[in-house]
């Protein structure tokens, strides 16, 4: 379901200021026993391999960047539309006054 808070492009300004977290500084364990992991995590590892977190993170970051760029393009198009609508309306006003 779409969150009504973000239904209009103007409401998405805050999303353009997303800060990515810095990489974790905690040391990684020497070994990870796959059998000890959650079954869902095991399935992800089977499907994507050992680099699953990196691959999924890269995918998410690329998707986020694409969405942010799309929002910027929509905002530029909205501004262009307002400008052109203003020109058309001023021309129509000139025509009706002549």
PDB file of N, CA and C in Angstrom:
ATOM      1  N   UNK A   1       0.841  -1.186   0.000  1.00  0.00           N
ATOM      2  CA  UNK A   1       0.000   0.000   0.000  1.00  0.00           C
ATOM      3  C   UNK A   1       0.885   1.248   0.000  1.00  0.00           C
ATOM      4  N   UNK A   2       0.493   2.246  -0.763  1.00  0.00           N
ATOM      5  CA  UNK A   2       1.262   3.471  -0.862  1.00  0.00           C
ATOM      6  C   UNK A   2       1.025   4.312   0.381  1.00  0.00           C
ATOM      7  N   UNK A   3       2.103   4.834   0.914  1.00  0.00           N
ATOM      8  CA  UNK A   3       2.013   5.712   2.071  1.00  0.00           C
ATOM      9  C   UNK A   3       1.506   7.064   1.588  1.00  0.00           C
ATOM     10  N   UNK A   4       0.336   7.524   2.068  1.00  0.00           N
ATOM     11  CA  UNK A   4      -0.216   8.789   1.584  1.00  0.00           C
ATOM     12  C   UNK A   4       0.691   9.979   1.880  1.00  0.00           C
ATOM     13  N   UNK A   5       1.565   9.846   2.857  1.00  0.00           N
ATOM     14  CA  UNK A   5       2.490  10.930   3.182  1.00  0.00           C
ATOM     15  C   UNK A   5       3.400  11.236   2.000  1.00  0.00           C
ATOM     16  N   UNK A   6       3.694  10.227   1.181  1.00  0.00           N
ATOM     17  CA  UNK A   6       4.595  10.395   0.059  1.00  0.00           C
ATOM     18  C   UNK A   6       3.869  10.264  -1.273  1.00  0.00           C
ATOM     19  N   UNK A   7       2.618  10.720  -1.322  1.00  0.00           N
ATOM     20  CA  UNK A   7       1.842  10.565  -2.552  1.00  0.00           C
ATOM     21  C   UNK A   7       2.182  11.630  -3.586  1.00  0.00           C
ATOM     22  N   UNK A   8       2.669  12.775  -3.173  1.00  0.00           N
ATOM     23  CA  UNK A   8       3.009  13.843  -4.111  1.00  0.00           C
ATOM     24  C   UNK A   8       4.524  13.995  -4.183  1.00  0.00           C
ATOM     25  N   UNK A   9       5.007  14.364  -5.344  1.00  0.00           N
ATOM     26  CA  UNK A   9       6.448  14.510  -5.529  1.00  0.00           C
ATOM     27  C   UNK A   9       7.008  15.564  -4.585  1.00  0.00           C
ATOM     28  N   UNK A  10       6.272  16.638  -4.329  1.00  0.00           N
ATOM     29  CA  UNK A  10       6.761  17.686  -3.438  1.00  0.00           C
ATOM     30  C   UNK A  10       7.019  17.168  -2.030  1.00  0.00           C
ATOM     31  N   UNK A  11       6.320  16.109  -1.624  1.00  0.00           N
ATOM     32  CA  UNK A  11       6.504  15.556  -0.290  1.00  0.00           C
ATOM     33  C   UNK A  11       7.759  14.706  -0.179  1.00  0.00           C
ATOM     34  N   UNK A  12       8.448  14.500  -1.286  1.00  0.00           N
ATOM     35  CA  UNK A  12       9.601  13.607  -1.280  1.00  0.00           C
ATOM     36  C   UNK A  12      10.917  14.347  -1.094  1.00  0.00           C
ATOM     37  N   UNK A  13      10.870  15.645  -0.820  1.00  0.00           N
ATOM     38  CA  UNK A  13      12.109  16.396  -0.658  1.00  0.00           C
ATOM     39  C   UNK A  13      13.033  15.773   0.380  1.00  0.00           C
ATOM     40  N   UNK A  14      12.483  15.290   1.469  1.00  0.00           N
ATOM     41  CA  UNK A  14      13.292  14.695   2.519  1.00  0.00           C
ATOM     42  C   UNK A  14      14.049  13.466   2.051  1.00  0.00           C
ATOM     43  N   UNK A  15      13.500  12.745   1.073  1.00  0.00           N
ATOM     44  CA  UNK A  15      14.168  11.550   0.581  1.00  0.00           C
ATOM     45  C   UNK A  15      15.431  11.882  -0.204  1.00  0.00           C
ATOM     46  N   UNK A  16      15.538  13.097  -0.701  1.00  0.00           N
ATOM     47  CA  UNK A  16      16.722  13.474  -1.448  1.00  0.00           C
ATOM     48  C   UNK A  16      17.913  13.713  -0.529  1.00  0.00           C
ATOM     49  N   UNK A  17      17.647  13.782   0.747  1.00  0.00           N
ATOM     50  CA  UNK A  17      18.700  14.041   1.720  1.00  0.00           C
ATOM     51  C   UNK A  17      19.097  12.776   2.470  1.00  0.00           C
ATOM     52  N   UNK A  18      18.910  11.618   1.874  1.00  0.00           N
ATOM     53  CA  UNK A  18      19.200  10.350   2.540  1.00  0.00           C
ATOM     54  C   UNK A  18      20.691  10.246   2.797  1.00  0.00           C
ATOM     55  N   UNK A  19      21.047   9.921   4.007  1.00  0.00           N
ATOM     56  CA  UNK A  19      22.445   9.716   4.383  1.00  0.00           C
ATOM     57  C   UNK A  19      22.699   8.222   4.482  1.00  0.00           C
ATOM     58  N   UNK A  20      23.709   7.769   3.792  1.00  0.00           N
ATOM     59  CA  UNK A  20      24.052   6.354   3.860  1.00  0.00           C
ATOM     60  C   UNK A  20      24.896   6.107   5.105  1.00  0.00           C
ATOM     61  N   UNK A  21      24.612   5.012   5.813  1.00  0.00           N
ATOM     62  CA  UNK A  21      25.399   4.717   7.005  1.00  0.00           C
ATOM     63  C   UNK A  21      26.831   4.347   6.633  1.00  0.00           C
ATOM     64  N   UNK A  22      27.742   4.671   7.514  1.00  0.00           N
ATOM     65  CA  UNK A  22      29.131   4.274   7.304  1.00  0.00           C
ATOM     66  C   UNK A  22      29.233   2.771   7.517  1.00  0.00           C
ATOM     67  N   UNK A  23      30.224   2.178   6.919  1.00  0.00           N
ATOM     68  CA  UNK A  23      30.371   0.725   7.046  1.00  0.00           C
ATOM     69  C   UNK A  23      30.633   0.352   8.497  1.00  0.00           C
ATOM     70  N   UNK A  24      30.198  -0.843   8.849  1.00  0.00           N
ATOM     71  CA  UNK A  24      30.340  -1.315  10.223  1.00  0.00           C
ATOM     72  C   UNK A  24      31.814  -1.457  10.579  1.00  0.00           C
ATOM     73  N   UNK A  25      32.138  -1.137  11.808  1.00  0.00           N
ATOM     74  CA  UNK A  25      33.522  -1.240  12.248  1.00  0.00           C
ATOM     75  C   UNK A  25      33.742  -2.440  13.160  1.00  0.00           C
ATOM     76  N   UNK A  26      32.683  -3.168  13.483  1.00  0.00           N
ATOM     77  CA  UNK A  26      32.818  -4.338  14.347  1.00  0.00           C
ATOM     78  C   UNK A  26      33.554  -5.438  13.585  1.00  0.00           C
ATOM     79  N   UNK A  27      34.418  -6.148  14.267  1.00  0.00           N
ATOM     80  CA  UNK A  27      35.149  -7.221  13.579  1.00  0.00           C
ATOM     81  C   UNK A  27      34.213  -8.360  13.198  1.00  0.00           C
ATOM     82  N   UNK A  28      34.491  -8.965  12.054  1.00  0.00           N
ATOM     83  CA  UNK A  28      33.704 -10.098  11.596  1.00  0.00           C
ATOM     84  C   UNK A  28      34.232 -11.379  12.232  1.00  0.00           C
ATOM     85  N   UNK A  29      33.356 -12.350  12.470  1.00  0.00           N
ATOM     86  CA  UNK A  29      33.829 -13.619  13.027  1.00  0.00           C
ATOM     87  C   UNK A  29      34.704 -14.352  12.015  1.00  0.00           C
ATOM     88  N   UNK A  30      35.577 -15.208  12.516  1.00  0.00           N
ATOM     89  CA  UNK A  30      36.463 -15.991  11.653  1.00  0.00           C
ATOM     90  C   UNK A  30      35.658 -16.943  10.768  1.00  0.00           C
ATOM     91  N   UNK A  31      34.669 -17.601  11.351  1.00  0.00           N
ATOM     92  CA  UNK A  31      33.845 -18.541  10.597  1.00  0.00           C
ATOM     93  C   UNK A  31      32.374 -18.335  10.950  1.00  0.00           C
ATOM     94  N   UNK A  32      31.535 -18.649   9.993  1.00  0.00           N
ATOM     95  CA  UNK A  32      30.089 -18.593  10.203  1.00  0.00           C
ATOM     96  C   UNK A  32      29.543 -19.969   9.840  1.00  0.00           C
ATOM     97  N   UNK A  33      28.826 -20.569  10.764  1.00  0.00           N
ATOM     98  CA  UNK A  33      28.222 -21.880  10.519  1.00  0.00           C
ATOM     99  C   UNK A  33      26.855 -21.641   9.886  1.00  0.00           C
ATOM    100  N   UNK A  34      26.715 -22.039   8.628  1.00  0.00           N
ATOM    101  CA  UNK A  34      25.486 -21.789   7.877  1.00  0.00           C
ATOM    102  C   UNK A  34      24.287 -22.431   8.566  1.00  0.00           C
ATOM    103  N   UNK A  35      24.468 -23.588   9.149  1.00  0.00           N
ATOM    104  CA  UNK A  35      23.361 -24.282   9.818  1.00  0.00           C
ATOM    105  C   UNK A  35      22.818 -23.476  10.996  1.00  0.00           C
ATOM    106  N   UNK A  36      23.635 -22.585  11.565  1.00  0.00           N
ATOM    107  CA  UNK A  36      23.199 -21.764  12.699  1.00  0.00           C
ATOM    108  C   UNK A  36      22.396 -20.542  12.249  1.00  0.00           C
ATOM    109  N   UNK A  37      22.381 -20.270  10.956  1.00  0.00           N
ATOM    110  CA  UNK A  37      21.685 -19.088  10.450  1.00  0.00           C
ATOM    111  C   UNK A  37      20.200 -19.374  10.272  1.00  0.00           C
ATOM    112  N   UNK A  38      19.438 -18.320  10.264  1.00  0.00           N
ATOM    113  CA  UNK A  38      17.999 -18.383  10.012  1.00  0.00           C
ATOM    114  C   UNK A  38      17.761 -19.048   8.649  1.00  0.00           C
ATOM    115  N   UNK A  39      16.714 -19.873   8.521  1.00  0.00           N
ATOM    116  CA  UNK A  39      16.445 -20.533   7.227  1.00  0.00           C
ATOM    117  C   UNK A  39      16.295 -19.549   6.064  1.00  0.00           C
ATOM    118  N   UNK A  40      15.714 -18.395   6.326  1.00  0.00           N
ATOM    119  CA  UNK A  40      15.590 -17.391   5.270  1.00  0.00           C
ATOM    120  C   UNK A  40      16.950 -16.895   4.799  1.00  0.00           C
ATOM    121  N   UNK A  41      17.856 -16.704   5.741  1.00  0.00           N
ATOM    122  CA  UNK A  41      19.210 -16.272   5.409  1.00  0.00           C
ATOM    123  C   UNK A  41      19.915 -17.366   4.614  1.00  0.00           C
ATOM    124  N   UNK A  42      19.691 -18.609   5.001  1.00  0.00           N
ATOM    125  CA  UNK A  42      20.300 -19.730   4.279  1.00  0.00           C
ATOM    126  C   UNK A  42      19.830 -19.749   2.817  1.00  0.00           C
ATOM    127  N   UNK A  43      18.540 -19.493   2.599  1.00  0.00           N
ATOM    128  CA  UNK A  43      18.011 -19.476   1.236  1.00  0.00           C
ATOM    129  C   UNK A  43      18.640 -18.351   0.416  1.00  0.00           C
ATOM    130  N   UNK A  44      18.789 -17.186   1.041  1.00  0.00           N
ATOM    131  CA  UNK A  44      19.415 -16.055   0.347  1.00  0.00           C
ATOM    132  C   UNK A  44      20.848 -16.407  -0.034  1.00  0.00           C
ATOM    133  N   UNK A  45      21.579 -17.014   0.897  1.00  0.00           N
ATOM    134  CA  UNK A  45      22.958 -17.408   0.608  1.00  0.00           C
ATOM    135  C   UNK A  45      23.029 -18.445  -0.504  1.00  0.00           C
ATOM    136  N   UNK A  46      22.089 -19.386  -0.512  1.00  0.00           N
ATOM    137  CA  UNK A  46      22.068 -20.396  -1.574  1.00  0.00           C
ATOM    138  C   UNK A  46      21.799 -19.749  -2.933  1.00  0.00           C
ATOM    139  N   UNK A  47      20.887 -18.787  -2.947  1.00  0.00           N
ATOM    140  CA  UNK A  47      20.502 -18.163  -4.212  1.00  0.00           C
ATOM    141  C   UNK A  47      21.569 -17.180  -4.713  1.00  0.00           C
ATOM    142  N   UNK A  48      22.059 -16.302  -3.839  1.00  0.00           N
ATOM    143  CA  UNK A  48      22.975 -15.234  -4.241  1.00  0.00           C
ATOM    144  C   UNK A  48      24.444 -15.541  -3.973  1.00  0.00           C
ATOM    145  N   UNK A  49      24.716 -16.541  -3.155  1.00  0.00           N
ATOM    146  CA  UNK A  49      26.098 -16.874  -2.835  1.00  0.00           C
ATOM    147  C   UNK A  49      26.579 -16.145  -1.588  1.00  0.00           C
ATOM    148  N   UNK A  50      27.852 -16.327  -1.310  1.00  0.00           N
ATOM    149  CA  UNK A  50      28.444 -15.769  -0.092  1.00  0.00           C
ATOM    150  C   UNK A  50      28.454 -14.237  -0.119  1.00  0.00           C
ATOM    151  N   UNK A  51      28.496 -13.670  -1.295  1.00  0.00           N
ATOM    152  CA  UNK A  51      28.523 -12.212  -1.415  1.00  0.00           C
ATOM    153  C   UNK A  51      27.121 -11.602  -1.418  1.00  0.00           C
ATOM    154  N   UNK A  52      26.139 -12.337  -0.948  1.00  0.00           N
ATOM    155  CA  UNK A  52      24.746 -11.869  -0.966  1.00  0.00           C
ATOM    156  C   UNK A  52      24.581 -10.491  -0.338  1.00  0.00           C
ATOM    157  N   UNK A  53      25.116 -10.238   0.853  1.00  0.00           N
ATOM    158  CA  UNK A  53      24.911  -8.906   1.438  1.00  0.00           C
ATOM    159  C   UNK A  53      25.464  -7.781   0.558  1.00  0.00           C
ATOM    160  N   UNK A  54      26.638  -8.002   0.003  1.00  0.00           N
ATOM    161  CA  UNK A  54      27.240  -6.979  -0.849  1.00  0.00           C
ATOM    162  C   UNK A  54      26.420  -6.776  -2.124  1.00  0.00           C
ATOM    163  N   UNK A  55      26.020  -7.870  -2.761  1.00  0.00           N
ATOM    164  CA  UNK A  55      25.230  -7.779  -3.990  1.00  0.00           C
ATOM    165  C   UNK A  55      23.892  -7.089  -3.744  1.00  0.00           C
ATOM    166  N   UNK A  56      23.215  -7.490  -2.686  1.00  0.00           N
ATOM    167  CA  UNK A  56      21.912  -6.894  -2.382  1.00  0.00           C
ATOM    168  C   UNK A  56      22.053  -5.432  -1.976  1.00  0.00           C
ATOM    169  N   UNK A  57      23.099  -5.103  -1.240  1.00  0.00           N
ATOM    170  CA  UNK A  57      23.335  -3.712  -0.853  1.00  0.00           C
ATOM    171  C   UNK A  57      23.620  -2.859  -2.092  1.00  0.00           C
ATOM    172  N   UNK A  58      24.456  -3.375  -2.997  1.00  0.00           N
ATOM    173  CA  UNK A  58      24.746  -2.635  -4.231  1.00  0.00           C
ATOM    174  C   UNK A  58      23.479  -2.428  -5.050  1.00  0.00           C
ATOM    175  N   UNK A  59      22.637  -3.461  -5.125  1.00  0.00           N
ATOM    176  CA  UNK A  59      21.377  -3.356  -5.844  1.00  0.00           C
ATOM    177  C   UNK A  59      20.485  -2.291  -5.207  1.00  0.00           C
ATOM    178  N   UNK A  60      20.377  -2.323  -3.892  1.00  0.00           N
ATOM    179  CA  UNK A  60      19.531  -1.351  -3.182  1.00  0.00           C
ATOM    180  C   UNK A  60      20.037   0.074  -3.384  1.00  0.00           C
ATOM    181  N   UNK A  61      21.358   0.255  -3.323  1.00  0.00           N
ATOM    182  CA  UNK A  61      21.930   1.594  -3.506  1.00  0.00           C
ATOM    183  C   UNK A  61      21.691   2.095  -4.934  1.00  0.00           C
ATOM    184  N   UNK A  62      21.826   1.200  -5.926  1.00  0.00           N
ATOM    185  CA  UNK A  62      21.581   1.595  -7.309  1.00  0.00           C
ATOM    186  C   UNK A  62      20.112   1.944  -7.513  1.00  0.00           C
ATOM    187  N   UNK A  63      19.230   1.166  -6.915  1.00  0.00           N
ATOM    188  CA  UNK A  63      17.795   1.444  -7.013  1.00  0.00           C
ATOM    189  C   UNK A  63      17.464   2.778  -6.350  1.00  0.00           C
ATOM    190  N   UNK A  64      18.017   3.012  -5.178  1.00  0.00           N
ATOM    191  CA  UNK A  64      17.793   4.277  -4.469  1.00  0.00           C
ATOM    192  C   UNK A  64      18.286   5.451  -5.306  1.00  0.00           C
ATOM    193  N   UNK A  65      19.488   5.343  -5.868  1.00  0.00           N
ATOM    194  CA  UNK A  65      20.029   6.418  -6.700  1.00  0.00           C
ATOM    195  C   UNK A  65      19.141   6.674  -7.915  1.00  0.00           C
ATOM    196  N   UNK A  66      18.630   5.605  -8.522  1.00  0.00           N
ATOM    197  CA  UNK A  66      17.749   5.751  -9.684  1.00  0.00           C
ATOM    198  C   UNK A  66      16.445   6.444  -9.300  1.00  0.00           C
ATOM    199  N   UNK A  67      15.897   6.077  -8.163  1.00  0.00           N
ATOM    200  CA  UNK A  67      14.648   6.704  -7.718  1.00  0.00           C
ATOM    201  C   UNK A  67      14.856   8.178  -7.397  1.00  0.00           C
ATOM    202  N   UNK A  68      15.963   8.510  -6.766  1.00  0.00           N
ATOM    203  CA  UNK A  68      16.255   9.910  -6.449  1.00  0.00           C
ATOM    204  C   UNK A  68      16.413  10.709  -7.736  1.00  0.00           C
ATOM    205  N   UNK A  69      17.108  10.157  -8.724  1.00  0.00           N
ATOM    206  CA  UNK A  69      17.274  10.846 -10.003  1.00  0.00           C
ATOM    207  C   UNK A  69      15.923  11.000 -10.704  1.00  0.00           C
ATOM    208  N   UNK A  70      15.080   9.998 -10.625  1.00  0.00           N
ATOM    209  CA  UNK A  70      13.749  10.080 -11.218  1.00  0.00           C
ATOM    210  C   UNK A  70      12.931  11.189 -10.560  1.00  0.00           C
ATOM    211  N   UNK A  71      13.012  11.298  -9.258  1.00  0.00           N
ATOM    212  CA  UNK A  71      12.296  12.365  -8.544  1.00  0.00           C
ATOM    213  C   UNK A  71      12.802  13.729  -9.001  1.00  0.00           C
ATOM    214  N   UNK A  72      14.109  13.865  -9.156  1.00  0.00           N
ATOM    215  CA  UNK A  72      14.671  15.143  -9.627  1.00  0.00           C
ATOM    216  C   UNK A  72      14.166  15.470 -11.027  1.00  0.00           C
ATOM    217  N   UNK A  73      14.119  14.464 -11.915  1.00  0.00           N
ATOM    218  CA  UNK A  73      13.628  14.692 -13.277  1.00  0.00           C
ATOM    219  C   UNK A  73      12.156  15.106 -13.264  1.00  0.00           C
ATOM    220  N   UNK A  74      11.372  14.453 -12.426  1.00  0.00           N
ATOM    221  CA  UNK A  74       9.946  14.795 -12.321  1.00  0.00           C
ATOM    222  C   UNK A  74       9.790  16.229 -11.843  1.00  0.00           C
ATOM    223  N   UNK A  75      10.585  16.629 -10.876  1.00  0.00           N
ATOM    224  CA  UNK A  75      10.506  18.004 -10.369  1.00  0.00           C
ATOM    225  C   UNK A  75      10.878  19.010 -11.462  1.00  0.00           C
ATOM    226  N   UNK A  76      11.914  18.694 -12.259  1.00  0.00           N
ATOM    227  CA  UNK A  76      12.294  19.583 -13.363  1.00  0.00           C
ATOM    228  C   UNK A  76      11.177  19.662 -14.401  1.00  0.00           C
ATOM    229  N   UNK A  77      10.563  18.519 -14.708  1.00  0.00           N
ATOM    230  CA  UNK A  77       9.466  18.517 -15.674  1.00  0.00           C
ATOM    231  C   UNK A  77       8.257  19.284 -15.154  1.00  0.00           C
ATOM    232  N   UNK A  78       7.990  19.167 -13.867  1.00  0.00           N
ATOM    233  CA  UNK A  78       6.882  19.936 -13.279  1.00  0.00           C
ATOM    234  C   UNK A  78       7.155  21.432 -13.393  1.00  0.00           C
ATOM    235  N   UNK A  79       8.393  21.847 -13.132  1.00  0.00           N
ATOM    236  CA  UNK A  79       8.748  23.265 -13.248  1.00  0.00           C
ATOM    237  C   UNK A  79       8.613  23.734 -14.693  1.00  0.00           C
ATOM    238  N   UNK A  80       9.098  22.913 -15.639  1.00  0.00           N
ATOM    239  CA  UNK A  80       8.951  23.251 -17.059  1.00  0.00           C
ATOM    240  C   UNK A  80       7.478  23.371 -17.433  1.00  0.00           C
ATOM    241  N   UNK A  81       6.669  22.458 -16.938  1.00  0.00           N
ATOM    242  CA  UNK A  81       5.232  22.475 -17.229  1.00  0.00           C
ATOM    243  C   UNK A  81       4.588  23.749 -16.693  1.00  0.00           C
ATOM    244  N   UNK A  82       4.937  24.124 -15.461  1.00  0.00           N
ATOM    245  CA  UNK A  82       4.375  25.365 -14.896  1.00  0.00           C
ATOM    246  C   UNK A  82       4.785  26.568 -15.736  1.00  0.00           C
ATOM    247  N   UNK A  83       6.059  26.617 -16.162  1.00  0.00           N
ATOM    248  CA  UNK A  83       6.550  27.720 -16.982  1.00  0.00           C
ATOM    249  C   UNK A  83       5.803  27.782 -18.309  1.00  0.00           C
ATOM    250  N   UNK A  84       5.692  26.642 -18.992  1.00  0.00           N
ATOM    251  CA  UNK A  84       5.009  26.620 -20.287  1.00  0.00           C
ATOM    252  C   UNK A  84       3.529  26.933 -20.153  1.00  0.00           C
ATOM    253  N   UNK A  85       2.906  26.451 -19.095  1.00  0.00           N
ATOM    254  CA  UNK A  85       1.495  26.766 -18.854  1.00  0.00           C
ATOM    255  C   UNK A  85       1.326  28.264 -18.655  1.00  0.00           C
ATOM    256  N   UNK A  86       2.251  28.878 -17.936  1.00  0.00           N
ATOM    257  CA  UNK A  86       2.208  30.331 -17.747  1.00  0.00           C
ATOM    258  C   UNK A  86       2.344  31.076 -19.061  1.00  0.00           C
ATOM    259  N   UNK A  87       3.241  30.606 -19.941  1.00  0.00           N
ATOM    260  CA  UNK A  87       3.391  31.247 -21.256  1.00  0.00           C
ATOM    261  C   UNK A  87       2.123  31.129 -22.078  1.00  0.00           C
ATOM    262  N   UNK A  88       1.540  29.953 -22.084  1.00  0.00           N
ATOM    263  CA  UNK A  88       0.305  29.734 -22.853  1.00  0.00           C
ATOM    264  C   UNK A  88      -0.807  30.630 -22.321  1.00  0.00           C
ATOM    265  N   UNK A  89      -0.939  30.678 -21.002  1.00  0.00           N
ATOM    266  CA  UNK A  89      -2.004  31.501 -20.406  1.00  0.00           C
ATOM    267  C   UNK A  89      -1.786  32.981 -20.707  1.00  0.00           C
ATOM    268  N   UNK A  90      -0.527  33.443 -20.680  1.00  0.00           N
ATOM    269  CA  UNK A  90      -0.283  34.858 -20.986  1.00  0.00           C
ATOM    270  C   UNK A  90      -0.580  35.155 -22.456  1.00  0.00           C
ATOM    271  N   UNK A  91      -0.268  34.221 -23.358  1.00  0.00           N
ATOM    272  CA  UNK A  91      -0.595  34.396 -24.780  1.00  0.00           C
ATOM    273  C   UNK A  91      -2.103  34.410 -24.985  1.00  0.00           C
ATOM    274  N   UNK A  92      -2.810  33.537 -24.259  1.00  0.00           N
ATOM    275  CA  UNK A  92      -4.261  33.512 -24.393  1.00  0.00           C
ATOM    276  C   UNK A  92      -4.872  34.807 -23.868  1.00  0.00           C
ATOM    277  N   UNK A  93      -4.290  35.365 -22.816  1.00  0.00           N
ATOM    278  CA  UNK A  93      -4.778  36.618 -22.256  1.00  0.00           C
ATOM    279  C   UNK A  93      -4.550  37.759 -23.258  1.00  0.00           C
ATOM    280  N   UNK A  94      -3.374  37.754 -23.915  1.00  0.00           N
ATOM    281  CA  UNK A  94      -3.088  38.756 -24.929  1.00  0.00           C
ATOM    282  C   UNK A  94      -4.092  38.661 -26.075  1.00  0.00           C
ATOM    283  N   UNK A  95      -4.378  37.426 -26.517  1.00  0.00           N
ATOM    284  CA  UNK A  95      -5.308  37.216 -27.624  1.00  0.00           C
ATOM    285  C   UNK A  95      -6.711  37.681 -27.284  1.00  0.00           C
ATOM    286  N   UNK A  96      -7.155  37.470 -26.064  1.00  0.00           N
ATOM    287  CA  UNK A  96      -8.512  37.879 -25.682  1.00  0.00           C
ATOM    288  C   UNK A  96      -8.592  39.388 -25.487  1.00  0.00           C
ATOM    289  N   UNK A  97      -7.472  40.040 -25.167  1.00  0.00           N
ATOM    290  CA  UNK A  97      -7.479  41.498 -24.992  1.00  0.00           C
ATOM    291  C   UNK A  97      -7.364  42.239 -26.317  1.00  0.00           C
ATOM    292  N   UNK A  98      -6.961  41.550 -27.360  1.00  0.00           N
ATOM    293  CA  UNK A  98      -6.825  42.211 -28.676  1.00  0.00           C
ATOM    294  C   UNK A  98      -8.115  42.226 -29.393  1.00  0.00           C
TER     295      UNK A  98
END
